[in-house]
PDB file of N, CA and C in Angstrom:
ATOM      1  N   MET A   1      15.545  20.586 -99.262  1.00  0.00           N
ATOM      2  CA  MET A   1      16.367  21.088 -98.181  1.00  0.00           C
ATOM      3  C   MET A   1      15.524  21.103 -96.910  1.00  0.00           C
ATOM      4  N   THR A   2      16.102  20.617 -95.844  1.00  0.00           N
ATOM      5  CA  THR A   2      15.411  20.650 -94.562  1.00  0.00           C
ATOM      6  C   THR A   2      15.949  21.809 -93.736  1.00  0.00           C
ATOM      7  N   ILE A   3      15.247  22.119 -92.677  1.00  0.00           N
ATOM      8  CA  ILE A   3      15.690  23.203 -91.804  1.00  0.00           C
ATOM      9  C   ILE A   3      17.047  22.871 -91.193  1.00  0.00           C
ATOM     10  N   ASP A   4      17.354  21.582 -91.023  1.00  0.00           N
ATOM     11  CA  ASP A   4      18.640  21.175 -90.466  1.00  0.00           C
ATOM     12  C   ASP A   4      19.798  21.470 -91.409  1.00  0.00           C
ATOM     13  N   ASP A   5      19.523  21.585 -92.712  1.00  0.00           N
ATOM     14  CA  ASP A   5      20.570  21.861 -93.689  1.00  0.00           C
ATOM     15  C   ASP A   5      20.979  23.330 -93.706  1.00  0.00           C
ATOM     16  N   VAL A   6      20.132  24.194 -93.231  1.00  0.00           N
ATOM     17  CA  VAL A   6      20.373  25.638 -93.308  1.00  0.00           C
ATOM     18  C   VAL A   6      21.494  26.037 -92.354  1.00  0.00           C
ATOM     19  N   GLY A   7      22.450  26.794 -92.887  1.00  0.00           N
ATOM     20  CA  GLY A   7      23.514  27.318 -92.049  1.00  0.00           C
ATOM     21  C   GLY A   7      24.625  26.339 -91.744  1.00  0.00           C
ATOM     22  N   HIS A   8      24.669  25.218 -92.441  1.00  0.00           N
ATOM     23  CA  HIS A   8      25.714  24.225 -92.212  1.00  0.00           C
ATOM     24  C   HIS A   8      26.537  24.062 -93.474  1.00  0.00           C
ATOM     25  N   GLY A   9      27.841  24.019 -93.328  1.00  0.00           N
ATOM     26  CA  GLY A   9      28.706  23.810 -94.476  1.00  0.00           C
ATOM     27  C   GLY A   9      29.033  25.101 -95.190  1.00  0.00           C
ATOM     28  N   ALA A  10      29.602  24.936 -96.354  1.00  0.00           N
ATOM     29  CA  ALA A  10      30.057  26.085 -97.129  1.00  0.00           C
ATOM     30  C   ALA A  10      28.896  26.782 -97.826  1.00  0.00           C
ATOM     31  N   CYS A  11      29.055  28.059 -98.033  1.00  0.00           N
ATOM     32  CA  CYS A  11      28.093  28.887 -98.760  1.00  0.00           C
ATOM     33  C   CYS A  11      28.031  28.445-100.222  1.00  0.00           C
ATOM     34  N   ASP A  12      26.853  28.529-100.820  1.00  0.00           N
ATOM     35  CA  ASP A  12      26.659  28.186-102.233  1.00  0.00           C
ATOM     36  C   ASP A  12      26.041  29.388-102.953  1.00  0.00           C
ATOM     37  N   ALA A  13      26.881  30.236-103.534  1.00  0.00           N
ATOM     38  CA  ALA A  13      26.402  31.445-104.212  1.00  0.00           C
ATOM     39  C   ALA A  13      25.611  31.116-105.472  1.00  0.00           C
ATOM     40  N   GLN A  14      25.900  29.996-106.108  1.00  0.00           N
ATOM     41  CA  GLN A  14      25.168  29.609-107.317  1.00  0.00           C
ATOM     42  C   GLN A  14      23.680  29.440-107.031  1.00  0.00           C
ATOM     43  N   ALA A  15      23.359  29.027-105.825  1.00  0.00           N
ATOM     44  CA  ALA A  15      21.964  28.777-105.456  1.00  0.00           C
ATOM     45  C   ALA A  15      21.153  30.055-105.286  1.00  0.00           C
ATOM     46  N   VAL A  16      21.826  31.202-105.262  1.00  0.00           N
ATOM     47  CA  VAL A  16      21.105  32.463-105.054  1.00  0.00           C
ATOM     48  C   VAL A  16      21.336  33.469-106.175  1.00  0.00           C
ATOM     49  N   GLN A  17      21.673  32.999-107.341  1.00  0.00           N
ATOM     50  CA  GLN A  17      21.822  33.900-108.489  1.00  0.00           C
ATOM     51  C   GLN A  17      20.501  34.595-108.818  1.00  0.00           C
ATOM     52  N   TRP A  18      19.397  33.988-108.416  1.00  0.00           N
ATOM     53  CA  TRP A  18      18.075  34.589-108.630  1.00  0.00           C
ATOM     54  C   TRP A  18      17.965  35.959-107.946  1.00  0.00           C
ATOM     55  N   ALA A  19      18.792  36.210-106.917  1.00  0.00           N
ATOM     56  CA  ALA A  19      18.694  37.453-106.145  1.00  0.00           C
ATOM     57  C   ALA A  19      19.227  38.668-106.909  1.00  0.00           C
ATOM     58  N   ILE A  20      20.044  38.438-107.926  1.00  0.00           N
ATOM     59  CA  ILE A  20      20.580  39.559-108.703  1.00  0.00           C
ATOM     60  C   ILE A  20      19.422  40.282-109.386  1.00  0.00           C
ATOM     61  N   GLY A  21      19.351  41.580-109.158  1.00  0.00           N
ATOM     62  CA  GLY A  21      18.258  42.391-109.694  1.00  0.00           C
ATOM     63  C   GLY A  21      17.131  42.626-108.704  1.00  0.00           C
ATOM     64  N   CYS A  22      17.165  41.928-107.567  1.00  0.00           N
ATOM     65  CA  CYS A  22      16.130  42.113-106.536  1.00  0.00           C
ATOM     66  C   CYS A  22      16.474  43.310-105.652  1.00  0.00           C
ATOM     67  N   ALA A  23      15.444  44.022-105.244  1.00  0.00           N
ATOM     68  CA  ALA A  23      15.624  45.107-104.283  1.00  0.00           C
ATOM     69  C   ALA A  23      15.863  44.509-102.902  1.00  0.00           C
ATOM     70  N   LEU A  24      16.689  45.157-102.121  1.00  0.00           N
ATOM     71  CA  LEU A  24      17.003  44.701-100.780  1.00  0.00           C
ATOM     72  C   LEU A  24      15.753  44.733 -99.905  1.00  0.00           C
ATOM     73  N   SER A  25      15.492  43.640 -99.211  1.00  0.00           N
ATOM     74  CA  SER A  25      14.399  43.562 -98.242  1.00  0.00           C
ATOM     75  C   SER A  25      14.750  42.466 -97.247  1.00  0.00           C
ATOM     76  N   ASP A  26      14.101  42.488 -96.099  1.00  0.00           N
ATOM     77  CA  ASP A  26      14.334  41.445 -95.103  1.00  0.00           C
ATOM     78  C   ASP A  26      14.001  40.072 -95.670  1.00  0.00           C
ATOM     79  N   GLU A  27      12.928  39.988 -96.437  1.00  0.00           N
ATOM     80  CA  GLU A  27      12.512  38.716 -97.025  1.00  0.00           C
ATOM     81  C   GLU A  27      13.566  38.177 -97.993  1.00  0.00           C
ATOM     82  N   VAL A  28      14.076  39.028 -98.863  1.00  0.00           N
ATOM     83  CA  VAL A  28      15.100  38.603 -99.827  1.00  0.00           C
ATOM     84  C   VAL A  28      16.374  38.198 -99.089  1.00  0.00           C
ATOM     85  N   LEU A  29      16.770  38.956 -98.071  1.00  0.00           N
ATOM     86  CA  LEU A  29      17.966  38.618 -97.304  1.00  0.00           C
ATOM     87  C   LEU A  29      17.856  37.239 -96.675  1.00  0.00           C
ATOM     88  N   GLU A  30      16.760  36.973 -96.014  1.00  0.00           N
ATOM     89  CA  GLU A  30      16.601  35.681 -95.340  1.00  0.00           C
ATOM     90  C   GLU A  30      16.493  34.547 -96.345  1.00  0.00           C
ATOM     91  N   ARG A  31      15.758  34.755 -97.413  1.00  0.00           N
ATOM     92  CA  ARG A  31      15.634  33.719 -98.444  1.00  0.00           C
ATOM     93  C   ARG A  31      17.002  33.409 -99.063  1.00  0.00           C
ATOM     94  N   ALA A  32      17.797  34.425 -99.325  1.00  0.00           N
ATOM     95  CA  ALA A  32      19.133  34.226 -99.889  1.00  0.00           C
ATOM     96  C   ALA A  32      20.030  33.478 -98.909  1.00  0.00           C
ATOM     97  N   ARG A  33      19.973  33.846 -97.643  1.00  0.00           N
ATOM     98  CA  ARG A  33      20.794  33.160 -96.640  1.00  0.00           C
ATOM     99  C   ARG A  33      20.423  31.688 -96.553  1.00  0.00           C
ATOM    100  N   VAL A  34      19.132  31.407 -96.514  1.00  0.00           N
ATOM    101  CA  VAL A  34      18.667  30.023 -96.409  1.00  0.00           C
ATOM    102  C   VAL A  34      19.048  29.229 -97.652  1.00  0.00           C
ATOM    103  N   HIS A  35      18.777  29.767 -98.824  1.00  0.00           N
ATOM    104  CA  HIS A  35      19.073  29.044-100.069  1.00  0.00           C
ATOM    105  C   HIS A  35      20.570  28.810-100.258  1.00  0.00           C
ATOM    106  N   SER A  36      21.399  29.719 -99.777  1.00  0.00           N
ATOM    107  CA  SER A  36      22.850  29.561 -99.920  1.00  0.00           C
ATOM    108  C   SER A  36      23.437  28.656 -98.837  1.00  0.00           C
ATOM    109  N   ARG A  37      22.628  28.326 -97.841  1.00  0.00           N
ATOM    110  CA  ARG A  37      23.047  27.498 -96.705  1.00  0.00           C
ATOM    111  C   ARG A  37      24.131  28.181 -95.880  1.00  0.00           C
ATOM    112  N   SER A  38      24.113  29.499 -95.872  1.00  0.00           N
ATOM    113  CA  SER A  38      25.121  30.285 -95.157  1.00  0.00           C
ATOM    114  C   SER A  38      24.736  30.495 -93.705  1.00  0.00           C
ATOM    115  N   ALA A  39      25.747  30.521 -92.861  1.00  0.00           N
ATOM    116  CA  ALA A  39      25.530  30.834 -91.454  1.00  0.00           C
ATOM    117  C   ALA A  39      25.500  32.343 -91.238  1.00  0.00           C
ATOM    118  N   ALA A  40      26.113  33.089 -92.156  1.00  0.00           N
ATOM    119  CA  ALA A  40      26.209  34.547 -92.009  1.00  0.00           C
ATOM    120  C   ALA A  40      25.945  35.223 -93.348  1.00  0.00           C
ATOM    121  N   LEU A  41      25.569  36.480 -93.254  1.00  0.00           N
ATOM    122  CA  LEU A  41      25.258  37.262 -94.446  1.00  0.00           C
ATOM    123  C   LEU A  41      25.860  38.649 -94.276  1.00  0.00           C
ATOM    124  N   ARG A  42      26.437  39.174 -95.358  1.00  0.00           N
ATOM    125  CA  ARG A  42      27.004  40.528 -95.309  1.00  0.00           C
ATOM    126  C   ARG A  42      26.487  41.309 -96.511  1.00  0.00           C
ATOM    127  N   VAL A  43      25.953  42.498 -96.239  1.00  0.00           N
ATOM    128  CA  VAL A  43      25.467  43.398 -97.286  1.00  0.00           C
ATOM    129  C   VAL A  43      26.548  44.443 -97.526  1.00  0.00           C
ATOM    130  N   ILE A  44      26.932  44.602 -98.795  1.00  0.00           N
ATOM    131  CA  ILE A  44      28.004  45.529 -99.148  1.00  0.00           C
ATOM    132  C   ILE A  44      27.466  46.555-100.136  1.00  0.00           C
ATOM    133  N   ARG A  45      27.474  47.805 -99.691  1.00  0.00           N
ATOM    134  CA  ARG A  45      27.001  48.912-100.526  1.00  0.00           C
ATOM    135  C   ARG A  45      28.192  49.587-101.200  1.00  0.00           C
ATOM    136  N   PRO A  46      27.927  50.358-102.261  1.00  0.00           N
ATOM    137  CA  PRO A  46      29.027  51.092-102.902  1.00  0.00           C
ATOM    138  C   PRO A  46      29.763  51.946-101.865  1.00  0.00           C
ATOM    139  N   ASP A  47      31.055  51.960-101.954  1.00  0.00           N
ATOM    140  CA  ASP A  47      31.927  52.739-101.061  1.00  0.00           C
ATOM    141  C   ASP A  47      32.013  52.203 -99.638  1.00  0.00           C
ATOM    142  N   ASP A  48      31.389  51.044 -99.341  1.00  0.00           N
ATOM    143  CA  ASP A  48      31.565  50.428 -98.025  1.00  0.00           C
ATOM    144  C   ASP A  48      32.985  49.898 -97.904  1.00  0.00           C
ATOM    145  N   LEU A  49      33.540  50.025 -96.728  1.00  0.00           N
ATOM    146  CA  LEU A  49      34.813  49.389 -96.421  1.00  0.00           C
ATOM    147  C   LEU A  49      34.496  47.999 -95.890  1.00  0.00           C
ATOM    148  N   VAL A  50      35.177  46.995 -96.408  1.00  0.00           N
ATOM    149  CA  VAL A  50      34.937  45.626 -95.949  1.00  0.00           C
ATOM    150  C   VAL A  50      36.258  44.985 -95.546  1.00  0.00           C
ATOM    151  N   THR A  51      36.175  44.115 -94.572  1.00  0.00           N
ATOM    152  CA  THR A  51      37.362  43.382 -94.151  1.00  0.00           C
ATOM    153  C   THR A  51      37.722  42.359 -95.219  1.00  0.00           C
ATOM    154  N   MET A  52      38.959  41.963 -95.257  1.00  0.00           N
ATOM    155  CA  MET A  52      39.435  41.016 -96.258  1.00  0.00           C
ATOM    156  C   MET A  52      39.393  39.571 -95.764  1.00  0.00           C
ATOM    157  N   ASP A  53      38.871  39.360 -94.556  1.00  0.00           N
ATOM    158  CA  ASP A  53      38.792  37.993 -94.051  1.00  0.00           C
ATOM    159  C   ASP A  53      37.826  37.177 -94.897  1.00  0.00           C
ATOM    160  N   HIS A  54      38.164  35.929 -95.104  1.00  0.00           N
ATOM    161  CA  HIS A  54      37.324  35.040 -95.912  1.00  0.00           C
ATOM    162  C   HIS A  54      36.653  34.038 -94.989  1.00  0.00           C
ATOM    163  N   ARG A  55      35.338  33.935 -95.117  1.00  0.00           N
ATOM    164  CA  ARG A  55      34.574  32.936 -94.363  1.00  0.00           C
ATOM    165  C   ARG A  55      33.772  32.125 -95.362  1.00  0.00           C
ATOM    166  N   GLU A  56      34.020  30.845 -95.416  1.00  0.00           N
ATOM    167  CA  GLU A  56      33.318  30.018 -96.399  1.00  0.00           C
ATOM    168  C   GLU A  56      31.846  29.830 -96.063  1.00  0.00           C
ATOM    169  N   ASP A  57      31.438  30.228 -94.858  1.00  0.00           N
ATOM    170  CA  ASP A  57      30.030  30.100 -94.472  1.00  0.00           C
ATOM    171  C   ASP A  57      29.275  31.427 -94.560  1.00  0.00           C
ATOM    172  N   ARG A  58      29.861  32.430 -95.244  1.00  0.00           N
ATOM    173  CA  ARG A  58      29.220  33.751 -95.324  1.00  0.00           C
ATOM    174  C   ARG A  58      28.863  34.092 -96.773  1.00  0.00           C
ATOM    175  N   LEU A  59      27.643  34.590 -96.956  1.00  0.00           N
ATOM    176  CA  LEU A  59      27.189  35.086 -98.248  1.00  0.00           C
ATOM    177  C   LEU A  59      27.338  36.599 -98.267  1.00  0.00           C
ATOM    178  N   ASN A  60      27.971  37.125 -99.308  1.00  0.00           N
ATOM    179  CA  ASN A  60      28.118  38.568 -99.508  1.00  0.00           C
ATOM    180  C   ASN A  60      27.168  39.010-100.612  1.00  0.00           C
ATOM    181  N   LEU A  61      26.352  39.995-100.302  1.00  0.00           N
ATOM    182  CA  LEU A  61      25.442  40.574-101.283  1.00  0.00           C
ATOM    183  C   LEU A  61      25.920  41.991-101.591  1.00  0.00           C
ATOM    184  N   TYR A  62      26.246  42.240-102.841  1.00  0.00           N
ATOM    185  CA  TYR A  62      26.723  43.549-103.286  1.00  0.00           C
ATOM    186  C   TYR A  62      25.552  44.330-103.874  1.00  0.00           C
ATOM    187  N   LEU A  63      25.384  45.571-103.411  1.00  0.00           N
ATOM    188  CA  LEU A  63      24.263  46.408-103.834  1.00  0.00           C
ATOM    189  C   LEU A  63      24.746  47.570-104.689  1.00  0.00           C
ATOM    190  N   ASP A  64      23.817  48.106-105.483  1.00  0.00           N
ATOM    191  CA  ASP A  64      24.115  49.346-106.197  1.00  0.00           C
ATOM    192  C   ASP A  64      23.634  50.519-105.343  1.00  0.00           C
ATOM    193  N   ALA A  65      23.685  51.711-105.875  1.00  0.00           N
ATOM    194  CA  ALA A  65      23.303  52.918-105.133  1.00  0.00           C
ATOM    195  C   ALA A  65      21.818  52.968-104.789  1.00  0.00           C
ATOM    196  N   HIS A  66      21.024  52.105-105.416  1.00  0.00           N
ATOM    197  CA  HIS A  66      19.576  52.076-105.174  1.00  0.00           C
ATOM    198  C   HIS A  66      19.154  50.865-104.352  1.00  0.00           C
ATOM    199  N   ASP A  67      20.112  50.215-103.691  1.00  0.00           N
ATOM    200  CA  ASP A  67      19.871  49.019-102.873  1.00  0.00           C
ATOM    201  C   ASP A  67      19.296  47.853-103.667  1.00  0.00           C
ATOM    202  N   VAL A  68      19.782  47.694-104.882  1.00  0.00           N
ATOM    203  CA  VAL A  68      19.439  46.541-105.717  1.00  0.00           C
ATOM    204  C   VAL A  68      20.663  45.629-105.740  1.00  0.00           C
ATOM    205  N   ILE A  69      20.441  44.343-105.572  1.00  0.00           N
ATOM    206  CA  ILE A  69      21.539  43.373-105.555  1.00  0.00           C
ATOM    207  C   ILE A  69      22.113  43.236-106.961  1.00  0.00           C
ATOM    208  N   VAL A  70      23.426  43.438-107.069  1.00  0.00           N
ATOM    209  CA  VAL A  70      24.089  43.366-108.374  1.00  0.00           C
ATOM    210  C   VAL A  70      25.075  42.205-108.463  1.00  0.00           C
ATOM    211  N   ARG A  71      25.427  41.625-107.316  1.00  0.00           N
ATOM    212  CA  ARG A  71      26.384  40.517-107.316  1.00  0.00           C
ATOM    213  C   ARG A  71      26.247  39.725-106.030  1.00  0.00           C
ATOM    214  N   VAL A  72      26.428  38.420-106.110  1.00  0.00           N
ATOM    215  CA  VAL A  72      26.442  37.567-104.920  1.00  0.00           C
ATOM    216  C   VAL A  72      27.708  36.725-104.952  1.00  0.00           C
ATOM    217  N   ARG A  73      28.363  36.652-103.808  1.00  0.00           N
ATOM    218  CA  ARG A  73      29.589  35.854-103.687  1.00  0.00           C
ATOM    219  C   ARG A  73      29.681  35.299-102.282  1.00  0.00           C
ATOM    220  N   CYS A  74      30.383  34.227-102.147  1.00  0.00           N
ATOM    221  CA  CYS A  74      30.665  33.682-100.824  1.00  0.00           C
ATOM    222  C   CYS A  74      32.000  34.228-100.346  1.00  0.00           C
ATOM    223  N   GLY A  75      32.163  34.241 -99.060  1.00  0.00           N
ATOM    224  CA  GLY A  75      33.451  34.678 -98.517  1.00  0.00           C
ATOM    225  C   GLY A  75      33.360  35.542 -97.373  1.00  0.00           C
TER     226      GLY A  75
END
């Protein structure tokens, strides 16, 4: 992957399954965004209200109460 590939096209959540079980950090967030080729990233904590809009270029990271990633999805 080149730097030109990052942030272009649809998000690829399969490419960031490695993030499940990782503690939230700036490094993990950026690595996940780059590997998924997403233009945007959204962190969703328990009890967060989220909009229902779907963006194919956005990676959603779902956290548990301890800020550990438990699920990754595009949208």
